[in-house]
PDB file of all heavy atoms in Angstrom:
ATOM      1  N   GLN A   1       0.795  -1.222   0.000  1.00  0.00           N
ATOM      2  CA  GLN A   1       0.000   0.000   0.000  1.00  0.00           C
ATOM      3  C   GLN A   1       0.836   1.284   0.000  1.00  0.00           C
ATOM      4  O   GLN A   1       0.291   2.376  -0.142  1.00  0.00           O
ATOM      5  CB  GLN A   1      -0.957   0.004   1.200  1.00  0.00           C
ATOM      6  CG  GLN A   1      -0.288  -0.092   2.549  1.00  0.00           C
ATOM      7  CD  GLN A   1      -0.042  -1.540   2.968  1.00  0.00           C
ATOM      8  OE1 GLN A   1      -0.049  -2.458   2.150  1.00  0.00           O
ATOM      9  NE2 GLN A   1       0.170  -1.738   4.258  1.00  0.00           N
ATOM     10  N   ALA A   2       2.145   1.153   0.149  1.00  0.00           N
ATOM     11  CA  ALA A   2       3.026   2.323   0.113  1.00  0.00           C
ATOM     12  C   ALA A   2       3.482   2.637  -1.307  1.00  0.00           C
ATOM     13  O   ALA A   2       4.296   3.535  -1.519  1.00  0.00           O
ATOM     14  CB  ALA A   2       4.240   2.093   1.015  1.00  0.00           C
ATOM     15  N   ILE A   3       2.950   1.893  -2.274  1.00  0.00           N
ATOM     16  CA  ILE A   3       3.330   2.057  -3.678  1.00  0.00           C
ATOM     17  C   ILE A   3       2.095   2.368  -4.516  1.00  0.00           C
ATOM     18  O   ILE A   3       1.032   1.781  -4.310  1.00  0.00           O
ATOM     19  CB  ILE A   3       4.000   0.779  -4.221  1.00  0.00           C
ATOM     20  CG1 ILE A   3       5.324   0.520  -3.493  1.00  0.00           C
ATOM     21  CG2 ILE A   3       4.234   0.867  -5.727  1.00  0.00           C
ATOM     22  CD1 ILE A   3       5.981  -0.793  -3.887  1.00  0.00           C
ATOM     23  N   ALA A   4       2.259   3.297  -5.462  1.00  0.00           N
ATOM     24  CA  ALA A   4       1.226   3.545  -6.467  1.00  0.00           C
ATOM     25  C   ALA A   4       1.646   2.850  -7.756  1.00  0.00           C
ATOM     26  O   ALA A   4       2.791   2.992  -8.204  1.00  0.00           O
ATOM     27  CB  ALA A   4       1.061   5.038  -6.705  1.00  0.00           C
ATOM     28  N   GLY A   5       0.729   2.082  -8.344  1.00  0.00           N
ATOM     29  CA  GLY A   5       0.998   1.413  -9.608  1.00  0.00           C
ATOM     30  C   GLY A   5       0.318   2.153 -10.745  1.00  0.00           C
ATOM     31  O   GLY A   5      -0.844   2.554 -10.630  1.00  0.00           O
ATOM     32  N   LEU A   6       1.047   2.381 -11.847  1.00  0.00           N
ATOM     33  CA  LEU A   6       0.519   3.133 -12.980  1.00  0.00           C
ATOM     34  C   LEU A   6       0.531   2.268 -14.236  1.00  0.00           C
ATOM     35  O   LEU A   6       1.565   1.697 -14.589  1.00  0.00           O
ATOM     36  CB  LEU A   6       1.354   4.384 -13.258  1.00  0.00           C
ATOM     37  CG  LEU A   6       1.176   5.610 -12.366  1.00  0.00           C
ATOM     38  CD1 LEU A   6       1.624   5.343 -10.939  1.00  0.00           C
ATOM     39  CD2 LEU A   6       1.970   6.788 -12.935  1.00  0.00           C
ATOM     40  N   ALA A   7      -0.623   2.160 -14.896  1.00  0.00           N
ATOM     41  CA  ALA A   7      -0.728   1.472 -16.182  1.00  0.00           C
ATOM     42  C   ALA A   7      -1.288   2.473 -17.186  1.00  0.00           C
ATOM     43  O   ALA A   7      -2.179   3.265 -16.854  1.00  0.00           O
ATOM     44  CB  ALA A   7      -1.639   0.256 -16.068  1.00  0.00           C
ATOM     45  N   PRO A   8      -0.785   2.502 -18.425  1.00  0.00           N
ATOM     46  CA  PRO A   8      -1.211   3.531 -19.392  1.00  0.00           C
ATOM     47  C   PRO A   8      -2.654   3.368 -19.848  1.00  0.00           C
ATOM     48  O   PRO A   8      -3.142   2.254 -20.034  1.00  0.00           O
ATOM     49  CB  PRO A   8      -0.233   3.335 -20.555  1.00  0.00           C
ATOM     50  CG  PRO A   8       0.235   1.924 -20.438  1.00  0.00           C
ATOM     51  CD  PRO A   8       0.238   1.601 -18.974  1.00  0.00           C
ATOM     52  N   ARG A   9      -3.348   4.491 -20.055  1.00  0.00           N
ATOM     53  CA  ARG A   9      -4.714   4.476 -20.585  1.00  0.00           C
ATOM     54  C   ARG A   9      -4.700   4.359 -22.113  1.00  0.00           C
ATOM     55  O   ARG A   9      -5.642   3.879 -22.723  1.00  0.00           O
ATOM     56  CB  ARG A   9      -5.460   5.758 -20.189  1.00  0.00           C
ATOM     57  CG  ARG A   9      -5.813   5.844 -18.707  1.00  0.00           C
ATOM     58  CD  ARG A   9      -6.625   7.107 -18.432  1.00  0.00           C
ATOM     59  NE  ARG A   9      -6.942   7.236 -17.015  1.00  0.00           N
ATOM     60  CZ  ARG A   9      -8.004   6.676 -16.426  1.00  0.00           C
ATOM     61  NH1 ARG A   9      -8.852   5.951 -17.143  1.00  0.00           N
ATOM     62  NH2 ARG A   9      -8.218   6.845 -15.141  1.00  0.00           N
ATOM     63  N   LYS A  10      -3.648   4.909 -22.743  1.00  0.00           N
ATOM     64  CA  LYS A  10      -3.537   4.884 -24.206  1.00  0.00           C
ATOM     65  C   LYS A  10      -2.060   4.776 -24.547  1.00  0.00           C
ATOM     66  O   LYS A  10      -1.252   4.436 -23.691  1.00  0.00           O
ATOM     67  CB  LYS A  10      -4.135   6.159 -24.799  1.00  0.00           C
ATOM     68  CG  LYS A  10      -3.527   7.435 -24.237  1.00  0.00           C
ATOM     69  CD  LYS A  10      -4.165   8.671 -24.841  1.00  0.00           C
ATOM     70  CE  LYS A  10      -3.527   9.949 -24.275  1.00  0.00           C
ATOM     71  NZ  LYS A  10      -4.118  11.160 -24.876  1.00  0.00           N
ATOM     72  N   ASN A  11      -1.690   5.024 -25.812  1.00  0.00           N
ATOM     73  CA  ASN A  11      -0.281   4.971 -26.191  1.00  0.00           C
ATOM     74  C   ASN A  11       0.522   5.923 -25.318  1.00  0.00           C
ATOM     75  O   ASN A  11       0.374   7.154 -25.408  1.00  0.00           O
ATOM     76  CB  ASN A  11      -0.105   5.353 -27.668  1.00  0.00           C
ATOM     77  CG  ASN A  11      -0.480   4.233 -28.597  1.00  0.00           C
ATOM     78  OD1 ASN A  11      -0.605   3.087 -28.160  1.00  0.00           O
ATOM     79  ND2 ASN A  11      -0.656   4.532 -29.876  1.00  0.00           N
ATOM     80  N   LEU A  12       1.341   5.339 -24.476  1.00  0.00           N
ATOM     81  CA  LEU A  12       2.098   6.147 -23.526  1.00  0.00           C
ATOM     82  C   LEU A  12       3.373   5.403 -23.161  1.00  0.00           C
ATOM     83  O   LEU A  12       3.337   4.221 -22.812  1.00  0.00           O
ATOM     84  CB  LEU A  12       1.258   6.380 -22.257  1.00  0.00           C
ATOM     85  CG  LEU A  12       1.928   7.150 -21.121  1.00  0.00           C
ATOM     86  CD1 LEU A  12       2.138   8.609 -21.510  1.00  0.00           C
ATOM     87  CD2 LEU A  12       1.082   7.073 -19.850  1.00  0.00           C
ATOM     88  N   ASN A  13       4.512   6.079 -23.254  1.00  0.00           N
ATOM     89  CA  ASN A  13       5.787   5.496 -22.847  1.00  0.00           C
ATOM     90  C   ASN A  13       6.010   5.830 -21.378  1.00  0.00           C
ATOM     91  O   ASN A  13       6.264   6.983 -21.029  1.00  0.00           O
ATOM     92  CB  ASN A  13       6.924   6.056 -23.710  1.00  0.00           C
ATOM     93  CG  ASN A  13       8.219   5.300 -23.499  1.00  0.00           C
ATOM     94  OD1 ASN A  13       8.558   4.912 -22.385  1.00  0.00           O
ATOM     95  ND2 ASN A  13       8.971   5.126 -24.577  1.00  0.00           N
ATOM     96  N   LEU A  14       5.890   4.824 -20.506  1.00  0.00           N
ATOM     97  CA  LEU A  14       5.996   5.078 -19.072  1.00  0.00           C
ATOM     98  C   LEU A  14       7.413   5.462 -18.651  1.00  0.00           C
ATOM     99  O   LEU A  14       7.597   6.058 -17.600  1.00  0.00           O
ATOM    100  CB  LEU A  14       5.522   3.852 -18.290  1.00  0.00           C
ATOM    101  CG  LEU A  14       4.001   3.686 -18.234  1.00  0.00           C
ATOM    102  CD1 LEU A  14       3.628   2.359 -17.592  1.00  0.00           C
ATOM    103  CD2 LEU A  14       3.344   4.834 -17.467  1.00  0.00           C
ATOM    104  N   GLU A  15       8.406   5.150 -19.473  1.00  0.00           N
ATOM    105  CA  GLU A  15       9.753   5.632 -19.186  1.00  0.00           C
ATOM    106  C   GLU A  15       9.800   7.158 -19.307  1.00  0.00           C
ATOM    107  O   GLU A  15      10.545   7.820 -18.590  1.00  0.00           O
ATOM    108  CB  GLU A  15      10.774   5.001 -20.134  1.00  0.00           C
ATOM    109  CG  GLU A  15      11.088   3.550 -19.817  1.00  0.00           C
ATOM    110  CD  GLU A  15      12.221   3.023 -20.684  1.00  0.00           C
ATOM    111  OE1 GLU A  15      13.268   3.697 -20.763  1.00  0.00           O
ATOM    112  OE2 GLU A  15      12.054   1.962 -21.287  1.00  0.00           O
ATOM    113  N   TYR A  16       9.004   7.700 -20.235  1.00  0.00           N
ATOM    114  CA  TYR A  16       8.897   9.161 -20.355  1.00  0.00           C
ATOM    115  C   TYR A  16       8.361   9.742 -19.049  1.00  0.00           C
ATOM    116  O   TYR A  16       8.875  10.737 -18.533  1.00  0.00           O
ATOM    117  CB  TYR A  16       7.979   9.536 -21.522  1.00  0.00           C
ATOM    118  CG  TYR A  16       7.767  11.030 -21.675  1.00  0.00           C
ATOM    119  CD1 TYR A  16       8.580  11.785 -22.512  1.00  0.00           C
ATOM    120  CD2 TYR A  16       6.756  11.691 -20.958  1.00  0.00           C
ATOM    121  CE1 TYR A  16       8.400  13.157 -22.632  1.00  0.00           C
ATOM    122  CE2 TYR A  16       6.569  13.056 -21.081  1.00  0.00           C
ATOM    123  CZ  TYR A  16       7.396  13.786 -21.917  1.00  0.00           C
ATOM    124  OH  TYR A  16       7.222  15.143 -22.020  1.00  0.00           O
ATOM    125  N   ILE A  17       7.323   9.104 -18.487  1.00  0.00           N
ATOM    126  CA  ILE A  17       6.733   9.563 -17.225  1.00  0.00           C
ATOM    127  C   ILE A  17       7.771   9.484 -16.106  1.00  0.00           C
ATOM    128  O   ILE A  17       7.914  10.399 -15.294  1.00  0.00           O
ATOM    129  CB  ILE A  17       5.492   8.712 -16.858  1.00  0.00           C
ATOM    130  CG1 ILE A  17       4.435   8.811 -17.962  1.00  0.00           C
ATOM    131  CG2 ILE A  17       4.920   9.147 -15.516  1.00  0.00           C
ATOM    132  CD1 ILE A  17       3.900  10.202 -18.202  1.00  0.00           C
ATOM    133  N   LEU A  18       8.527   8.366 -16.064  1.00  0.00           N
ATOM    134  CA  LEU A  18       9.568   8.195 -15.034  1.00  0.00           C
ATOM    135  C   LEU A  18      10.589   9.330 -15.104  1.00  0.00           C
ATOM    136  O   LEU A  18      10.927   9.943 -14.084  1.00  0.00           O
ATOM    137  CB  LEU A  18      10.243   6.830 -15.228  1.00  0.00           C
ATOM    138  CG  LEU A  18      11.339   6.436 -14.235  1.00  0.00           C
ATOM    139  CD1 LEU A  18      11.338   4.919 -14.045  1.00  0.00           C
ATOM    140  CD2 LEU A  18      12.723   6.865 -14.693  1.00  0.00           C
ATOM    141  N   HIS A  19      11.068   9.631 -16.314  1.00  0.00           N
ATOM    142  CA  HIS A  19      12.084  10.690 -16.462  1.00  0.00           C
ATOM    143  C   HIS A  19      11.494  12.062 -16.136  1.00  0.00           C
ATOM    144  O   HIS A  19      12.165  12.908 -15.534  1.00  0.00           O
ATOM    145  CB  HIS A  19      12.640  10.691 -17.884  1.00  0.00           C
ATOM    146  CG  HIS A  19      13.521   9.513 -18.191  1.00  0.00           C
ATOM    147  ND1 HIS A  19      14.546   9.120 -17.356  1.00  0.00           N
ATOM    148  CD2 HIS A  19      13.530   8.647 -19.244  1.00  0.00           C
ATOM    149  CE1 HIS A  19      15.161   8.071 -17.882  1.00  0.00           C
ATOM    150  NE2 HIS A  19      14.551   7.757 -19.013  1.00  0.00           N
ATOM    151  N   TYR A  20      10.226  12.299 -16.530  1.00  0.00           N
ATOM    152  CA  TYR A  20       9.611  13.602 -16.253  1.00  0.00           C
ATOM    153  C   TYR A  20       9.432  13.814 -14.752  1.00  0.00           C
ATOM    154  O   TYR A  20       9.662  14.910 -14.234  1.00  0.00           O
ATOM    155  CB  TYR A  20       8.266  13.726 -16.972  1.00  0.00           C
ATOM    156  CG  TYR A  20       7.755  15.155 -17.003  1.00  0.00           C
ATOM    157  CD1 TYR A  20       8.051  15.983 -18.086  1.00  0.00           C
ATOM    158  CD2 TYR A  20       7.005  15.689 -15.957  1.00  0.00           C
ATOM    159  CE1 TYR A  20       7.602  17.306 -18.126  1.00  0.00           C
ATOM    160  CE2 TYR A  20       6.564  16.997 -15.975  1.00  0.00           C
ATOM    161  CZ  TYR A  20       6.870  17.805 -17.068  1.00  0.00           C
ATOM    162  OH  TYR A  20       6.442  19.118 -17.085  1.00  0.00           O
ATOM    163  N   ILE A  21       9.029  12.767 -14.035  1.00  0.00           N
ATOM    164  CA  ILE A  21       8.875  12.884 -12.581  1.00  0.00           C
ATOM    165  C   ILE A  21      10.228  13.131 -11.926  1.00  0.00           C
ATOM    166  O   ILE A  21      10.334  13.919 -10.977  1.00  0.00           O
ATOM    167  CB  ILE A  21       8.181  11.633 -12.003  1.00  0.00           C
ATOM    168  CG1 ILE A  21       6.714  11.603 -12.444  1.00  0.00           C
ATOM    169  CG2 ILE A  21       8.272  11.606 -10.478  1.00  0.00           C
ATOM    170  CD1 ILE A  21       5.966  10.360 -12.029  1.00  0.00           C
ATOM    171  N   ASN A  22      11.279  12.491 -12.431  1.00  0.00           N
ATOM    172  CA  ASN A  22      12.614  12.763 -11.904  1.00  0.00           C
ATOM    173  C   ASN A  22      13.014  14.217 -12.132  1.00  0.00           C
ATOM    174  O   ASN A  22      13.686  14.827 -11.302  1.00  0.00           O
ATOM    175  CB  ASN A  22      13.651  11.825 -12.535  1.00  0.00           C
ATOM    176  CG  ASN A  22      13.760  10.505 -11.801  1.00  0.00           C
ATOM    177  OD1 ASN A  22      13.556  10.450 -10.587  1.00  0.00           O
ATOM    178  ND2 ASN A  22      14.066   9.432 -12.513  1.00  0.00           N
ATOM    179  N   PHE A  23      12.595  14.780 -13.271  1.00  0.00           N
ATOM    180  CA  PHE A  23      12.834  16.193 -13.570  1.00  0.00           C
ATOM    181  C   PHE A  23      12.161  17.093 -12.536  1.00  0.00           C
ATOM    182  O   PHE A  23      12.728  18.102 -12.096  1.00  0.00           O
ATOM    183  CB  PHE A  23      12.333  16.489 -14.993  1.00  0.00           C
ATOM    184  CG  PHE A  23      12.036  17.927 -15.270  1.00  0.00           C
ATOM    185  CD1 PHE A  23      13.043  18.881 -15.257  1.00  0.00           C
ATOM    186  CD2 PHE A  23      10.737  18.329 -15.554  1.00  0.00           C
ATOM    187  CE1 PHE A  23      12.752  20.229 -15.526  1.00  0.00           C
ATOM    188  CE2 PHE A  23      10.435  19.660 -15.826  1.00  0.00           C
ATOM    189  CZ  PHE A  23      11.453  20.614 -15.806  1.00  0.00           C
ATOM    190  N   LYS A  24      10.945  16.727 -12.106  1.00  0.00           N
ATOM    191  CA  LYS A  24      10.189  17.543 -11.147  1.00  0.00           C
ATOM    192  C   LYS A  24      10.330  17.061  -9.701  1.00  0.00           C
ATOM    193  O   LYS A  24       9.616  17.519  -8.817  1.00  0.00           O
ATOM    194  CB  LYS A  24       8.695  17.516 -11.530  1.00  0.00           C
ATOM    195  CG  LYS A  24       8.370  18.174 -12.856  1.00  0.00           C
ATOM    196  CD  LYS A  24       6.870  18.220 -13.098  1.00  0.00           C
ATOM    197  CE  LYS A  24       6.179  19.169 -12.140  1.00  0.00           C
ATOM    198  NZ  LYS A  24       4.736  19.337 -12.441  1.00  0.00           N
ATOM    199  N   LYS A  25      11.263  16.152  -9.472  1.00  0.00           N
ATOM    200  CA  LYS A  25      11.309  15.413  -8.207  1.00  0.00           C
ATOM    201  C   LYS A  25      11.351  16.313  -6.976  1.00  0.00           C
ATOM    202  O   LYS A  25      10.569  16.133  -6.039  1.00  0.00           O
ATOM    203  CB  LYS A  25      12.510  14.469  -8.197  1.00  0.00           C
ATOM    204  CG  LYS A  25      12.494  13.491  -7.027  1.00  0.00           C
ATOM    205  CD  LYS A  25      13.531  12.403  -7.220  1.00  0.00           C
ATOM    206  CE  LYS A  25      13.379  11.314  -6.175  1.00  0.00           C
ATOM    207  NZ  LYS A  25      14.311  10.192  -6.402  1.00  0.00           N
ATOM    208  N   GLN A  26      12.271  17.275  -6.941  1.00  0.00           N
ATOM    209  CA  GLN A  26      12.406  18.098  -5.745  1.00  0.00           C
ATOM    210  C   GLN A  26      11.152  18.918  -5.476  1.00  0.00           C
ATOM    211  O   GLN A  26      10.709  19.049  -4.342  1.00  0.00           O
ATOM    212  CB  GLN A  26      13.630  19.024  -5.849  1.00  0.00           C
ATOM    213  CG  GLN A  26      14.027  19.654  -4.516  1.00  0.00           C
ATOM    214  CD  GLN A  26      14.221  18.623  -3.412  1.00  0.00           C
ATOM    215  OE1 GLN A  26      15.009  17.682  -3.558  1.00  0.00           O
ATOM    216  NE2 GLN A  26      13.508  18.775  -2.311  1.00  0.00           N
ATOM    217  N   GLU A  27      10.576  19.452  -6.526  1.00  0.00           N
ATOM    218  CA  GLU A  27       9.330  20.213  -6.389  1.00  0.00           C
ATOM    219  C   GLU A  27       8.222  19.348  -5.798  1.00  0.00           C
ATOM    220  O   GLU A  27       7.471  19.778  -4.913  1.00  0.00           O
ATOM    221  CB  GLU A  27       8.912  20.735  -7.769  1.00  0.00           C
ATOM    222  CG  GLU A  27       7.571  21.438  -7.796  1.00  0.00           C
ATOM    223  CD  GLU A  27       7.091  21.721  -9.212  1.00  0.00           C
ATOM    224  OE1 GLU A  27       7.943  21.828 -10.117  1.00  0.00           O
ATOM    225  OE2 GLU A  27       5.866  21.818  -9.408  1.00  0.00           O
ATOM    226  N   LEU A  28       8.136  18.106  -6.248  1.00  0.00           N
ATOM    227  CA  LEU A  28       7.108  17.194  -5.753  1.00  0.00           C
ATOM    228  C   LEU A  28       7.385  16.737  -4.327  1.00  0.00           C
ATOM    229  O   LEU A  28       6.457  16.614  -3.513  1.00  0.00           O
ATOM    230  CB  LEU A  28       7.010  15.972  -6.673  1.00  0.00           C
ATOM    231  CG  LEU A  28       6.524  16.267  -8.096  1.00  0.00           C
ATOM    232  CD1 LEU A  28       6.726  15.051  -8.990  1.00  0.00           C
ATOM    233  CD2 LEU A  28       5.060  16.686  -8.082  1.00  0.00           C
ATOM    234  N   LEU A  29       8.655  16.499  -3.997  1.00  0.00           N
ATOM    235  CA  LEU A  29       9.002  16.091  -2.633  1.00  0.00           C
ATOM    236  C   LEU A  29       8.654  17.187  -1.623  1.00  0.00           C
ATOM    237  O   LEU A  29       8.327  16.890  -0.472  1.00  0.00           O
ATOM    238  CB  LEU A  29      10.490  15.746  -2.540  1.00  0.00           C
ATOM    239  CG  LEU A  29      10.924  14.432  -3.205  1.00  0.00           C
ATOM    240  CD1 LEU A  29      12.439  14.270  -3.134  1.00  0.00           C
ATOM    241  CD2 LEU A  29      10.245  13.232  -2.561  1.00  0.00           C
ATOM    242  N   ASN A  30       8.736  18.421  -2.051  1.00  0.00           N
ATOM    243  CA  ASN A  30       8.392  19.544  -1.161  1.00  0.00           C
ATOM    244  C   ASN A  30       6.911  19.566  -0.806  1.00  0.00           C
ATOM    245  O   ASN A  30       6.495  20.276   0.115  1.00  0.00           O
ATOM    246  CB  ASN A  30       8.793  20.871  -1.799  1.00  0.00           C
ATOM    247  CG  ASN A  30      10.299  21.051  -1.884  1.00  0.00           C
ATOM    248  OD1 ASN A  30      11.046  20.406  -1.154  1.00  0.00           O
ATOM    249  ND2 ASN A  30      10.751  21.921  -2.780  1.00  0.00           N
ATOM    250  N   GLN A  31       6.102  18.795  -1.536  1.00  0.00           N
ATOM    251  CA  GLN A  31       4.662  18.743  -1.265  1.00  0.00           C
ATOM    252  C   GLN A  31       4.290  17.637  -0.282  1.00  0.00           C
ATOM    253  O   GLN A  31       3.124  17.457   0.055  1.00  0.00           O
ATOM    254  CB  GLN A  31       3.899  18.525  -2.578  1.00  0.00           C
ATOM    255  CG  GLN A  31       4.095  19.641  -3.598  1.00  0.00           C
ATOM    256  CD  GLN A  31       3.439  19.309  -4.927  1.00  0.00           C
ATOM    257  OE1 GLN A  31       2.592  18.428  -5.021  1.00  0.00           O
ATOM    258  NE2 GLN A  31       3.837  20.024  -5.973  1.00  0.00           N
ATOM    259  N   ARG A  32       5.278  16.902   0.199  1.00  0.00           N
ATOM    260  CA  ARG A  32       4.986  15.809   1.140  1.00  0.00           C
ATOM    261  C   ARG A  32       4.433  16.355   2.448  1.00  0.00           C
ATOM    262  O   ARG A  32       4.759  17.463   2.866  1.00  0.00           O
ATOM    263  CB  ARG A  32       6.244  14.988   1.417  1.00  0.00           C
ATOM    264  CG  ARG A  32       6.701  14.151   0.256  1.00  0.00           C
ATOM    265  CD  ARG A  32       7.956  13.395   0.591  1.00  0.00           C
ATOM    266  NE  ARG A  32       9.062  14.295   0.905  1.00  0.00           N
ATOM    267  CZ  ARG A  32      10.237  13.910   1.376  1.00  0.00           C
ATOM    268  NH1 ARG A  32      10.451  12.635   1.617  1.00  0.00           N
ATOM    269  NH2 ARG A  32      11.185  14.791   1.620  1.00  0.00           N
ATOM    270  N   ARG A  33       3.633  15.554   3.109  1.00  0.00           N
ATOM    271  CA  ARG A  33       3.034  15.931   4.382  1.00  0.00           C
ATOM    272  C   ARG A  33       3.308  14.845   5.417  1.00  0.00           C
ATOM    273  O   ARG A  33       3.486  13.680   5.081  1.00  0.00           O
ATOM    274  CB  ARG A  33       1.509  16.112   4.243  1.00  0.00           C
ATOM    275  CG  ARG A  33       1.115  17.270   3.334  1.00  0.00           C
ATOM    276  CD  ARG A  33       1.434  18.603   4.000  1.00  0.00           C
ATOM    277  NE  ARG A  33       1.068  19.720   3.160  1.00  0.00           N
ATOM    278  CZ  ARG A  33       1.876  20.330   2.300  1.00  0.00           C
ATOM    279  NH1 ARG A  33       3.110  19.892   2.162  1.00  0.00           N
ATOM    280  NH2 ARG A  33       1.456  21.345   1.575  1.00  0.00           N
ATOM    281  N   GLY A  34       3.332  15.248   6.694  1.00  0.00           N
ATOM    282  CA  GLY A  34       3.535  14.290   7.772  1.00  0.00           C
ATOM    283  C   GLY A  34       4.503  14.829   8.801  1.00  0.00           C
ATOM    284  O   GLY A  34       5.306  15.726   8.519  1.00  0.00           O
TER     285      GLY A  34
END
């Protein structure tokens, strides 16, 4: 339950998503709560 699983809805390269999230990683980590 500590993992989110992503499957594409249409033609989508999930490696692109992985690299894009790494690009925004610090910005997204700053949104963590707890």
